[in-house]
C-alpha atoms as a PDB file:
ATOM      1  CA  UNK A   1       0.000   0.000   0.000  1.00  0.00           C
ATOM      2  CA  UNK A   2       1.372   3.377  -1.015  1.00  0.00           C
ATOM      3  CA  UNK A   3       1.712   6.449   1.159  1.00  0.00           C
ATOM      4  CA  UNK A   4      -1.331   8.154  -0.378  1.00  0.00           C
ATOM      5  CA  UNK A   5      -3.466   5.049   0.130  1.00  0.00           C
ATOM      6  CA  UNK A   6      -2.400   4.951   3.778  1.00  0.00           C
ATOM      7  CA  UNK A   7      -3.323   8.609   4.207  1.00  0.00           C
ATOM      8  CA  UNK A   8      -6.720   8.095   2.573  1.00  0.00           C
ATOM      9  CA  UNK A   9      -7.335   5.016   4.706  1.00  0.00           C
ATOM     10  CA  UNK A  10      -6.540   6.921   7.908  1.00  0.00           C
ATOM     11  CA  UNK A  11      -8.803   9.831   6.928  1.00  0.00           C
ATOM     12  CA  UNK A  12     -11.671   7.450   6.193  1.00  0.00           C
ATOM     13  CA  UNK A  13     -11.191   5.433   9.392  1.00  0.00           C
ATOM     14  CA  UNK A  14     -11.083   8.606  11.488  1.00  0.00           C
ATOM     15  CA  UNK A  15     -14.400   9.755   9.966  1.00  0.00           C
ATOM     16  CA  UNK A  16     -16.209   6.396   9.580  1.00  0.00           C
ATOM     17  CA  UNK A  17     -15.237   4.089  12.450  1.00  0.00           C
ATOM     18  CA  UNK A  18     -16.844   0.974  10.945  1.00  0.00           C
ATOM     19  CA  UNK A  19     -15.640   1.432   7.361  1.00  0.00           C
ATOM     20  CA  UNK A  20     -14.354  -1.399   5.216  1.00  0.00           C
ATOM     21  CA  UNK A  21     -11.987  -0.170   2.525  1.00  0.00           C
ATOM     22  CA  UNK A  22     -11.146  -2.162  -0.592  1.00  0.00           C
ATOM     23  CA  UNK A  23      -8.546  -0.491  -2.786  1.00  0.00           C
ATOM     24  CA  UNK A  24      -8.251  -1.454  -6.441  1.00  0.00           C
ATOM     25  CA  UNK A  25      -4.754  -1.133  -7.808  1.00  0.00           C
ATOM     26  CA  UNK A  26      -4.729   0.611 -11.154  1.00  0.00           C
ATOM     27  CA  UNK A  27      -1.834   1.094 -13.521  1.00  0.00           C
ATOM     28  CA  UNK A  28      -0.218   4.492 -13.303  1.00  0.00           C
ATOM     29  CA  UNK A  29      -0.693   4.779  -9.538  1.00  0.00           C
ATOM     30  CA  UNK A  30      -4.341   5.850  -9.770  1.00  0.00           C
ATOM     31  CA  UNK A  31      -6.447   5.041  -6.701  1.00  0.00           C
ATOM     32  CA  UNK A  32      -9.957   3.629  -6.713  1.00  0.00           C
ATOM     33  CA  UNK A  33     -11.935   1.135  -4.720  1.00  0.00           C
ATOM     34  CA  UNK A  34     -15.012   0.418  -2.659  1.00  0.00           C
ATOM     35  CA  UNK A  35     -16.086   1.789   0.701  1.00  0.00           C
ATOM     36  CA  UNK A  36     -18.596   0.005   2.915  1.00  0.00           C
ATOM     37  CA  UNK A  37     -20.121   1.436   6.092  1.00  0.00           C
ATOM     38  CA  UNK A  38     -23.399   1.370   8.014  1.00  0.00           C
ATOM     39  CA  UNK A  39     -23.136   5.164   8.208  1.00  0.00           C
ATOM     40  CA  UNK A  40     -24.036   5.395   4.519  1.00  0.00           C
ATOM     41  CA  UNK A  41     -27.443   3.779   5.156  1.00  0.00           C
ATOM     42  CA  UNK A  42     -29.423   6.991   5.442  1.00  0.00           C
ATOM     43  CA  UNK A  43     -27.565   8.865   2.725  1.00  0.00           C
ATOM     44  CA  UNK A  44     -28.340   9.164  -0.972  1.00  0.00           C
ATOM     45  CA  UNK A  45     -25.665   8.162  -3.446  1.00  0.00           C
ATOM     46  CA  UNK A  46     -24.848  11.823  -4.121  1.00  0.00           C
ATOM     47  CA  UNK A  47     -24.638  12.592  -0.399  1.00  0.00           C
ATOM     48  CA  UNK A  48     -22.241   9.682   0.082  1.00  0.00           C
ATOM     49  CA  UNK A  49     -19.993  10.870  -2.723  1.00  0.00           C
ATOM     50  CA  UNK A  50     -20.190  14.431  -1.436  1.00  0.00           C
ATOM     51  CA  UNK A  51     -19.168  13.417   2.084  1.00  0.00           C
ATOM     52  CA  UNK A  52     -16.182  11.408   0.837  1.00  0.00           C
ATOM     53  CA  UNK A  53     -14.958  14.074  -1.577  1.00  0.00           C
ATOM     54  CA  UNK A  54     -15.403  16.845   0.997  1.00  0.00           C
ATOM     55  CA  UNK A  55     -13.201  14.892   3.394  1.00  0.00           C
ATOM     56  CA  UNK A  56     -10.586  14.274   0.692  1.00  0.00           C
ATOM     57  CA  UNK A  57     -10.597  17.881  -0.581  1.00  0.00           C
ATOM     58  CA  UNK A  58     -10.128  19.218   2.950  1.00  0.00           C
ATOM     59  CA  UNK A  59      -7.191  16.938   3.712  1.00  0.00           C
ATOM     60  CA  UNK A  60      -5.336  16.221   0.467  1.00  0.00           C
ATOM     61  CA  UNK A  61      -3.422  18.446  -1.899  1.00  0.00           C
ATOM     62  CA  UNK A  62      -4.752  19.073  -5.400  1.00  0.00           C
ATOM     63  CA  UNK A  63      -2.029  16.802  -6.793  1.00  0.00           C
ATOM     64  CA  UNK A  64      -3.024  13.992  -4.416  1.00  0.00           C
ATOM     65  CA  UNK A  65      -6.709  14.419  -5.313  1.00  0.00           C
ATOM     66  CA  UNK A  66      -5.891  14.077  -9.016  1.00  0.00           C
ATOM     67  CA  UNK A  67      -4.564  10.571  -8.342  1.00  0.00           C
ATOM     68  CA  UNK A  68      -7.994   9.390  -7.158  1.00  0.00           C
ATOM     69  CA  UNK A  69     -10.262   7.875  -9.797  1.00  0.00           C
ATOM     70  CA  UNK A  70     -13.162   7.430  -7.383  1.00  0.00           C
ATOM     71  CA  UNK A  71     -14.865   5.091  -4.971  1.00  0.00           C
ATOM     72  CA  UNK A  72     -17.974   2.955  -5.107  1.00  0.00           C
ATOM     73  CA  UNK A  73     -19.797   3.482  -1.834  1.00  0.00           C
ATOM     74  CA  UNK A  74     -22.065   0.859  -0.275  1.00  0.00           C
ATOM     75  CA  UNK A  75     -23.874  -0.038   2.896  1.00  0.00           C
ATOM     76  CA  UNK A  76     -23.243  -3.567   4.233  1.00  0.00           C
ATOM     77  CA  UNK A  77     -26.729  -4.594   3.044  1.00  0.00           C
ATOM     78  CA  UNK A  78     -26.088  -3.246  -0.456  1.00  0.00           C
ATOM     79  CA  UNK A  79     -22.759  -5.024  -0.830  1.00  0.00           C
ATOM     80  CA  UNK A  80     -24.325  -8.264   0.438  1.00  0.00           C
ATOM     81  CA  UNK A  81     -27.095  -7.984  -2.178  1.00  0.00           C
ATOM     82  CA  UNK A  82     -24.538  -7.184  -4.860  1.00  0.00           C
ATOM     83  CA  UNK A  83     -22.392 -10.179  -3.902  1.00  0.00           C
ATOM     84  CA  UNK A  84     -25.413 -12.504  -3.851  1.00  0.00           C
ATOM     85  CA  UNK A  85     -26.561 -11.288  -7.279  1.00  0.00           C
ATOM     86  CA  UNK A  86     -23.046 -11.691  -8.688  1.00  0.00           C
ATOM     87  CA  UNK A  87     -22.812 -15.264  -7.331  1.00  0.00           C
ATOM     88  CA  UNK A  88     -26.050 -16.145  -9.143  1.00  0.00           C
ATOM     89  CA  UNK A  89     -24.659 -14.837 -12.433  1.00  0.00           C
ATOM     90  CA  UNK A  90     -21.234 -16.496 -12.199  1.00  0.00           C
END
């Protein structure tokens, strides 16, 4: 895990104490992944994205932010449903 990933992970864990973070490793050192937390349960998709990007903008430099492709953001129930649906397709 790179330094920027570690910083992002710490920021997310400080804000969302129950968060599960799954980083995807892209070529060219771009960062993306999935975030899973119960705290997203009462938030719309746009509110979730807004909360994550607000946190990142407030704590990362513009250069660091440019290295982030984005995150898919789920509740535990949503990721469970997704995983179950994917298992039925595979």
